[in-house]
Amino acid sequence: MRTRSARWSVGVFAAALLAGVALWQAAPPAAAKRADPGLARVEAARGAFAAVRARYAAGIDSAEAVYAWSVRWLKSQRPLSADKAAAFRDHLDRMKALEQAAGKRVETGLASPAEKHGTAYYVAEAEAWAAQGATD
């Protein structure tokens, strides 16, 4: 029993350490980048997404928080991108990765099945947006 508890403690410590590193790396954009408000929004959303995703991986944040920051990143990218459909595809890829992570969390008992269903919804929504974005 002690061995399992020790392994669990090491795993939690490692996840927290990785989340801390991701938060440190996802520092807010420098003042120089804020000269372009659109670019500042993209960089801020990208950084927030990375931080929340790391916190989710460590079991600290929710799938919904990851989804919300991915949507904000998508919305900030679209006006600046020559290829509007690419932003939708990127969001879809992020939601597919989130769905896989949620599935693993459910399998290990770290999350309820509702989380897996929620992420399946996010993927279906992202697929619809990507299909629509491809025709815009």
N, C-alpha and C. Protein backbone atom coordinates (compact mmCIF):
# COMPACT_ATOMS: atom_id res chain seq x y z
N MET A 1 0.82 -1.19 0.00
CA MET A 1 0.00 0.00 0.00
C MET A 1 0.86 1.25 0.00
N ARG A 2 1.99 1.20 0.76
CA ARG A 2 2.87 2.36 0.80
C ARG A 2 3.47 2.64 -0.57
N THR A 3 3.80 1.60 -1.30
CA THR A 3 4.41 1.77 -2.62
C THR A 3 3.43 2.46 -3.56
N ARG A 4 2.19 2.06 -3.53
CA ARG A 4 1.18 2.68 -4.40
C ARG A 4 0.99 4.14 -4.01
N SER A 5 0.95 4.41 -2.72
CA SER A 5 0.79 5.77 -2.23
C SER A 5 1.99 6.63 -2.63
N ALA A 6 3.18 6.05 -2.54
CA ALA A 6 4.40 6.78 -2.91
C ALA A 6 4.40 7.08 -4.40
N ARG A 7 4.00 6.10 -5.22
CA ARG A 7 3.94 6.33 -6.67
C ARG A 7 2.92 7.40 -7.00
N TRP A 8 1.78 7.37 -6.32
CA TRP A 8 0.74 8.37 -6.55
C TRP A 8 1.27 9.75 -6.18
N SER A 9 1.97 9.86 -5.07
CA SER A 9 2.53 11.14 -4.62
C SER A 9 3.55 11.65 -5.62
N VAL A 10 4.40 10.78 -6.13
CA VAL A 10 5.39 11.18 -7.12
C VAL A 10 4.69 11.65 -8.40
N GLY A 11 3.64 10.94 -8.80
CA GLY A 11 2.89 11.34 -10.00
C GLY A 11 2.24 12.69 -9.84
N VAL A 12 1.64 12.95 -8.70
CA VAL A 12 1.01 14.24 -8.44
C VAL A 12 2.06 15.34 -8.42
N PHE A 13 3.20 15.07 -7.77
CA PHE A 13 4.28 16.05 -7.72
C PHE A 13 4.77 16.37 -9.13
N ALA A 14 4.97 15.34 -9.95
CA ALA A 14 5.46 15.55 -11.33
C ALA A 14 4.45 16.36 -12.14
N ALA A 15 3.17 16.05 -12.00
CA ALA A 15 2.15 16.80 -12.74
C ALA A 15 2.12 18.26 -12.29
N ALA A 16 2.23 18.49 -10.99
CA ALA A 16 2.24 19.87 -10.49
C ALA A 16 3.48 20.61 -10.98
N LEU A 17 4.60 19.93 -11.03
CA LEU A 17 5.82 20.55 -11.52
C LEU A 17 5.68 20.93 -12.99
N LEU A 18 5.11 20.03 -13.80
CA LEU A 18 4.90 20.33 -15.22
C LEU A 18 3.94 21.49 -15.39
N ALA A 19 2.90 21.54 -14.58
CA ALA A 19 1.95 22.65 -14.66
C ALA A 19 2.65 23.96 -14.32
N GLY A 20 3.52 23.93 -13.32
CA GLY A 20 4.25 25.14 -12.95
C GLY A 20 5.17 25.61 -14.06
N VAL A 21 5.85 24.68 -14.71
CA VAL A 21 6.73 25.04 -15.84
C VAL A 21 5.90 25.64 -16.97
N ALA A 22 4.76 25.05 -17.27
CA ALA A 22 3.91 25.57 -18.35
C ALA A 22 3.40 26.96 -18.01
N LEU A 23 3.03 27.18 -16.77
CA LEU A 23 2.57 28.51 -16.36
C LEU A 23 3.69 29.52 -16.49
N TRP A 24 4.90 29.13 -16.13
CA TRP A 24 6.03 30.03 -16.23
C TRP A 24 6.31 30.36 -17.70
N GLN A 25 6.22 29.36 -18.57
CA GLN A 25 6.47 29.57 -19.99
C GLN A 25 5.36 30.36 -20.66
N ALA A 26 4.16 30.33 -20.11
CA ALA A 26 3.02 31.00 -20.71
C ALA A 26 2.84 32.40 -20.12
N ALA A 27 3.96 33.08 -19.88
CA ALA A 27 3.90 34.43 -19.31
C ALA A 27 3.15 35.35 -20.27
N PRO A 28 2.52 36.41 -19.73
CA PRO A 28 1.78 37.34 -20.59
C PRO A 28 2.70 37.96 -21.63
N PRO A 29 2.14 38.37 -22.77
CA PRO A 29 2.97 38.95 -23.82
C PRO A 29 3.64 40.23 -23.34
N ALA A 30 4.82 40.49 -23.86
CA ALA A 30 5.56 41.70 -23.51
C ALA A 30 4.83 42.94 -24.03
N ALA A 31 5.12 44.06 -23.42
CA ALA A 31 4.46 45.32 -23.79
C ALA A 31 4.70 45.65 -25.26
N ALA A 32 5.84 45.26 -25.80
CA ALA A 32 6.14 45.56 -27.21
C ALA A 32 5.15 44.87 -28.14
N LYS A 33 4.72 43.67 -27.77
CA LYS A 33 3.77 42.94 -28.62
C LYS A 33 2.38 43.55 -28.55
N ARG A 34 2.10 44.33 -27.54
CA ARG A 34 0.77 44.90 -27.37
C ARG A 34 0.53 46.08 -28.30
N ALA A 35 1.52 46.45 -29.09
CA ALA A 35 1.33 47.54 -30.04
C ALA A 35 0.21 47.19 -31.03
N ASP A 36 0.06 45.91 -31.35
CA ASP A 36 -1.00 45.43 -32.22
C ASP A 36 -2.01 44.71 -31.34
N PRO A 37 -3.17 45.33 -31.06
CA PRO A 37 -4.15 44.70 -30.16
C PRO A 37 -4.61 43.33 -30.63
N GLY A 38 -4.76 43.14 -31.93
CA GLY A 38 -5.19 41.84 -32.45
C GLY A 38 -4.17 40.75 -32.16
N LEU A 39 -2.90 41.07 -32.39
CA LEU A 39 -1.84 40.11 -32.12
C LEU A 39 -1.72 39.86 -30.62
N ALA A 40 -1.90 40.89 -29.83
CA ALA A 40 -1.85 40.74 -28.37
C ALA A 40 -2.94 39.78 -27.89
N ARG A 41 -4.12 39.86 -28.48
CA ARG A 41 -5.21 38.94 -28.10
C ARG A 41 -4.83 37.50 -28.45
N VAL A 42 -4.26 37.29 -29.63
CA VAL A 42 -3.86 35.94 -30.04
C VAL A 42 -2.82 35.38 -29.07
N GLU A 43 -1.80 36.18 -28.77
CA GLU A 43 -0.73 35.72 -27.89
C GLU A 43 -1.25 35.47 -26.46
N ALA A 44 -2.12 36.34 -25.99
CA ALA A 44 -2.67 36.16 -24.64
C ALA A 44 -3.54 34.91 -24.58
N ALA A 45 -4.36 34.70 -25.59
CA ALA A 45 -5.23 33.51 -25.62
C ALA A 45 -4.40 32.24 -25.74
N ARG A 46 -3.36 32.27 -26.57
CA ARG A 46 -2.48 31.11 -26.73
C ARG A 46 -1.80 30.78 -25.39
N GLY A 47 -1.30 31.80 -24.72
CA GLY A 47 -0.64 31.58 -23.43
C GLY A 47 -1.60 31.06 -22.37
N ALA A 48 -2.80 31.64 -22.32
CA ALA A 48 -3.79 31.19 -21.35
C ALA A 48 -4.20 29.75 -21.64
N PHE A 49 -4.37 29.43 -22.92
CA PHE A 49 -4.73 28.06 -23.30
C PHE A 49 -3.65 27.08 -22.82
N ALA A 50 -2.39 27.41 -23.07
CA ALA A 50 -1.29 26.52 -22.66
C ALA A 50 -1.27 26.34 -21.15
N ALA A 51 -1.50 27.41 -20.42
CA ALA A 51 -1.49 27.33 -18.95
C ALA A 51 -2.65 26.49 -18.44
N VAL A 52 -3.83 26.70 -18.99
CA VAL A 52 -5.01 25.96 -18.54
C VAL A 52 -4.91 24.49 -18.94
N ARG A 53 -4.37 24.24 -20.12
CA ARG A 53 -4.20 22.85 -20.56
C ARG A 53 -3.24 22.11 -19.63
N ALA A 54 -2.17 22.77 -19.21
CA ALA A 54 -1.22 22.15 -18.29
C ALA A 54 -1.89 21.90 -16.93
N ARG A 55 -2.69 22.85 -16.48
CA ARG A 55 -3.40 22.68 -15.21
C ARG A 55 -4.41 21.54 -15.32
N TYR A 56 -5.04 21.40 -16.48
CA TYR A 56 -5.98 20.29 -16.70
C TYR A 56 -5.23 18.96 -16.64
N ALA A 57 -4.08 18.90 -17.28
CA ALA A 57 -3.28 17.67 -17.28
C ALA A 57 -2.86 17.30 -15.86
N ALA A 58 -2.69 18.31 -15.02
CA ALA A 58 -2.29 18.07 -13.63
C ALA A 58 -3.50 17.81 -12.73
N GLY A 59 -4.70 17.85 -13.30
CA GLY A 59 -5.91 17.59 -12.53
C GLY A 59 -6.40 18.79 -11.75
N ILE A 60 -5.93 19.97 -12.10
CA ILE A 60 -6.27 21.18 -11.36
C ILE A 60 -7.42 21.95 -12.01
N ASP A 61 -7.45 21.98 -13.34
CA ASP A 61 -8.46 22.76 -14.04
C ASP A 61 -9.43 21.85 -14.78
N SER A 62 -10.48 22.45 -15.35
CA SER A 62 -11.55 21.68 -15.99
C SER A 62 -11.38 21.64 -17.51
N ALA A 63 -12.03 20.66 -18.12
CA ALA A 63 -12.06 20.57 -19.58
C ALA A 63 -12.76 21.80 -20.15
N GLU A 64 -13.76 22.29 -19.44
CA GLU A 64 -14.48 23.46 -19.92
C GLU A 64 -13.58 24.70 -19.99
N ALA A 65 -12.66 24.83 -19.05
CA ALA A 65 -11.72 25.96 -19.08
C ALA A 65 -10.79 25.85 -20.29
N VAL A 66 -10.35 24.63 -20.59
CA VAL A 66 -9.49 24.41 -21.77
C VAL A 66 -10.27 24.78 -23.02
N TYR A 67 -11.51 24.31 -23.10
CA TYR A 67 -12.38 24.62 -24.24
C TYR A 67 -12.56 26.13 -24.40
N ALA A 68 -12.87 26.82 -23.30
CA ALA A 68 -13.14 28.26 -23.37
C ALA A 68 -11.93 29.02 -23.91
N TRP A 69 -10.73 28.67 -23.46
CA TRP A 69 -9.55 29.37 -23.95
C TRP A 69 -9.21 28.99 -25.39
N SER A 70 -9.55 27.78 -25.81
CA SER A 70 -9.35 27.41 -27.21
C SER A 70 -10.28 28.22 -28.11
N VAL A 71 -11.52 28.42 -27.66
CA VAL A 71 -12.48 29.22 -28.44
C VAL A 71 -11.99 30.68 -28.51
N ARG A 72 -11.51 31.21 -27.39
CA ARG A 72 -10.99 32.59 -27.41
C ARG A 72 -9.81 32.71 -28.37
N TRP A 73 -8.95 31.70 -28.37
CA TRP A 73 -7.81 31.70 -29.29
C TRP A 73 -8.30 31.67 -30.73
N LEU A 74 -9.28 30.80 -31.01
CA LEU A 74 -9.89 30.73 -32.34
C LEU A 74 -10.45 32.08 -32.76
N LYS A 75 -11.23 32.70 -31.90
CA LYS A 75 -11.87 33.98 -32.23
C LYS A 75 -10.85 35.09 -32.44
N SER A 76 -9.74 35.04 -31.73
CA SER A 76 -8.73 36.07 -31.91
C SER A 76 -7.89 35.83 -33.17
N GLN A 77 -7.76 34.58 -33.60
CA GLN A 77 -6.98 34.24 -34.79
C GLN A 77 -7.70 34.60 -36.09
N ARG A 78 -8.99 34.39 -36.12
CA ARG A 78 -9.74 34.51 -37.38
C ARG A 78 -9.55 35.84 -38.09
N PRO A 79 -9.68 36.98 -37.42
CA PRO A 79 -9.55 38.24 -38.16
C PRO A 79 -8.14 38.48 -38.71
N LEU A 80 -7.14 37.83 -38.15
CA LEU A 80 -5.75 38.07 -38.54
C LEU A 80 -5.22 37.07 -39.55
N SER A 81 -5.96 36.00 -39.79
CA SER A 81 -5.47 34.91 -40.62
C SER A 81 -5.96 35.02 -42.06
N ALA A 82 -5.04 34.81 -42.99
CA ALA A 82 -5.42 34.79 -44.40
C ALA A 82 -6.24 33.53 -44.70
N ASP A 83 -5.92 32.46 -44.02
CA ASP A 83 -6.63 31.18 -44.18
C ASP A 83 -7.57 31.01 -42.98
N LYS A 84 -8.79 31.51 -43.12
CA LYS A 84 -9.76 31.47 -42.01
C LYS A 84 -10.06 30.04 -41.57
N ALA A 85 -10.08 29.11 -42.50
CA ALA A 85 -10.40 27.72 -42.18
C ALA A 85 -9.32 27.09 -41.31
N ALA A 86 -8.08 27.58 -41.41
CA ALA A 86 -6.98 27.01 -40.62
C ALA A 86 -7.23 27.19 -39.13
N ALA A 87 -7.77 28.33 -38.74
CA ALA A 87 -8.05 28.57 -37.32
C ALA A 87 -9.08 27.56 -36.80
N PHE A 88 -10.08 27.26 -37.62
CA PHE A 88 -11.09 26.26 -37.22
C PHE A 88 -10.47 24.87 -37.11
N ARG A 89 -9.61 24.53 -38.06
CA ARG A 89 -8.96 23.21 -38.02
C ARG A 89 -8.06 23.09 -36.78
N ASP A 90 -7.36 24.17 -36.46
CA ASP A 90 -6.50 24.15 -35.27
C ASP A 90 -7.33 23.94 -34.00
N HIS A 91 -8.47 24.64 -33.92
CA HIS A 91 -9.35 24.48 -32.77
C HIS A 91 -9.87 23.03 -32.71
N LEU A 92 -10.25 22.49 -33.85
CA LEU A 92 -10.72 21.10 -33.90
C LEU A 92 -9.64 20.14 -33.39
N ASP A 93 -8.41 20.35 -33.82
CA ASP A 93 -7.31 19.50 -33.36
C ASP A 93 -7.14 19.59 -31.84
N ARG A 94 -7.26 20.81 -31.31
CA ARG A 94 -7.13 20.97 -29.85
C ARG A 94 -8.27 20.26 -29.12
N MET A 95 -9.47 20.31 -29.68
CA MET A 95 -10.61 19.66 -29.02
C MET A 95 -10.51 18.14 -29.11
N LYS A 96 -9.97 17.62 -30.19
CA LYS A 96 -9.76 16.17 -30.30
C LYS A 96 -8.74 15.70 -29.26
N ALA A 97 -7.70 16.49 -29.07
CA ALA A 97 -6.70 16.14 -28.06
C ALA A 97 -7.31 16.21 -26.66
N LEU A 98 -8.18 17.19 -26.44
CA LEU A 98 -8.85 17.31 -25.14
C LEU A 98 -9.77 16.11 -24.90
N GLU A 99 -10.47 15.69 -25.95
CA GLU A 99 -11.36 14.53 -25.81
C GLU A 99 -10.56 13.28 -25.44
N GLN A 100 -9.42 13.09 -26.05
CA GLN A 100 -8.57 11.94 -25.72
C GLN A 100 -8.09 12.01 -24.27
N ALA A 101 -7.68 13.20 -23.85
CA ALA A 101 -7.21 13.36 -22.47
C ALA A 101 -8.35 13.10 -21.49
N ALA A 102 -9.54 13.56 -21.83
CA ALA A 102 -10.70 13.34 -20.95
C ALA A 102 -11.01 11.85 -20.86
N GLY A 103 -10.90 11.15 -21.97
CA GLY A 103 -11.14 9.71 -21.97
C GLY A 103 -10.18 8.99 -21.03
N LYS A 104 -8.92 9.40 -21.05
CA LYS A 104 -7.94 8.79 -20.16
C LYS A 104 -8.26 9.11 -18.70
N ARG A 105 -8.70 10.33 -18.45
CA ARG A 105 -9.05 10.72 -17.08
C ARG A 105 -10.24 9.92 -16.58
N VAL A 106 -11.22 9.69 -17.46
CA VAL A 106 -12.39 8.90 -17.06
C VAL A 106 -11.98 7.45 -16.79
N GLU A 107 -11.14 6.88 -17.67
CA GLU A 107 -10.68 5.49 -17.50
C GLU A 107 -9.95 5.28 -16.19
N THR A 108 -9.22 6.28 -15.74
CA THR A 108 -8.43 6.15 -14.51
C THR A 108 -9.21 6.61 -13.28
N GLY A 109 -10.45 7.03 -13.47
CA GLY A 109 -11.27 7.45 -12.35
C GLY A 109 -11.02 8.86 -11.87
N LEU A 110 -10.28 9.65 -12.64
CA LEU A 110 -9.99 11.03 -12.25
C LEU A 110 -11.08 12.00 -12.68
N ALA A 111 -12.02 11.52 -13.49
CA ALA A 111 -13.10 12.38 -13.96
C ALA A 111 -14.35 11.54 -14.16
N SER A 112 -15.48 12.20 -14.17
CA SER A 112 -16.75 11.49 -14.39
C SER A 112 -16.99 11.31 -15.88
N PRO A 113 -17.86 10.37 -16.25
CA PRO A 113 -18.20 10.19 -17.66
C PRO A 113 -18.77 11.45 -18.30
N ALA A 114 -19.34 12.33 -17.49
CA ALA A 114 -19.88 13.58 -18.03
C ALA A 114 -18.78 14.39 -18.73
N GLU A 115 -17.58 14.31 -18.23
CA GLU A 115 -16.47 15.04 -18.85
C GLU A 115 -16.18 14.52 -20.25
N LYS A 116 -16.24 13.22 -20.43
CA LYS A 116 -16.03 12.62 -21.75
C LYS A 116 -17.14 13.03 -22.70
N HIS A 117 -18.38 13.05 -22.21
CA HIS A 117 -19.50 13.48 -23.06
C HIS A 117 -19.37 14.96 -23.41
N GLY A 118 -18.96 15.75 -22.46
CA GLY A 118 -18.77 17.18 -22.71
C GLY A 118 -17.73 17.43 -23.78
N THR A 119 -16.62 16.70 -23.70
CA THR A 119 -15.58 16.91 -24.71
C THR A 119 -16.01 16.37 -26.07
N ALA A 120 -16.85 15.35 -26.09
CA ALA A 120 -17.40 14.86 -27.37
C ALA A 120 -18.25 15.97 -28.02
N TYR A 121 -18.97 16.70 -27.18
CA TYR A 121 -19.75 17.84 -27.68
C TYR A 121 -18.82 18.90 -28.27
N TYR A 122 -17.72 19.20 -27.56
CA TYR A 122 -16.79 20.21 -28.06
C TYR A 122 -16.22 19.81 -29.41
N VAL A 123 -15.93 18.52 -29.59
CA VAL A 123 -15.40 18.04 -30.88
C VAL A 123 -16.46 18.18 -31.96
N ALA A 124 -17.71 17.77 -31.67
CA ALA A 124 -18.78 17.87 -32.67
C ALA A 124 -19.00 19.33 -33.07
N GLU A 125 -18.98 20.21 -32.11
CA GLU A 125 -19.14 21.64 -32.39
C GLU A 125 -17.98 22.14 -33.26
N ALA A 126 -16.75 21.75 -32.91
CA ALA A 126 -15.58 22.18 -33.67
C ALA A 126 -15.62 21.63 -35.10
N GLU A 127 -16.12 20.40 -35.27
CA GLU A 127 -16.25 19.83 -36.62
C GLU A 127 -17.25 20.64 -37.44
N ALA A 128 -18.36 21.02 -36.82
CA ALA A 128 -19.36 21.82 -37.53
C ALA A 128 -18.78 23.18 -37.90
N TRP A 129 -18.07 23.80 -36.97
CA TRP A 129 -17.46 25.10 -37.26
C TRP A 129 -16.41 24.98 -38.37
N ALA A 130 -15.61 23.89 -38.33
CA ALA A 130 -14.58 23.70 -39.35
C ALA A 130 -15.22 23.50 -40.73
N ALA A 131 -16.32 22.75 -40.77
CA ALA A 131 -17.02 22.54 -42.06
C ALA A 131 -17.59 23.87 -42.57
N GLN A 132 -18.15 24.64 -41.67
CA GLN A 132 -18.71 25.94 -42.05
C GLN A 132 -17.59 26.91 -42.45
N GLY A 133 -16.48 26.88 -41.68
CA GLY A 133 -15.36 27.78 -41.97
C GLY A 133 -14.71 27.48 -43.30
N ALA A 134 -14.76 26.24 -43.72
CA ALA A 134 -14.17 25.85 -45.00
C ALA A 134 -14.96 26.43 -46.17
N THR A 135 -16.22 26.78 -45.93
CA THR A 135 -17.04 27.32 -47.00
C THR A 135 -17.15 28.84 -46.94
N ASP A 136 -16.69 29.45 -45.84
CA ASP A 136 -16.76 30.92 -45.72
C ASP A 136 -15.74 31.61 -46.58
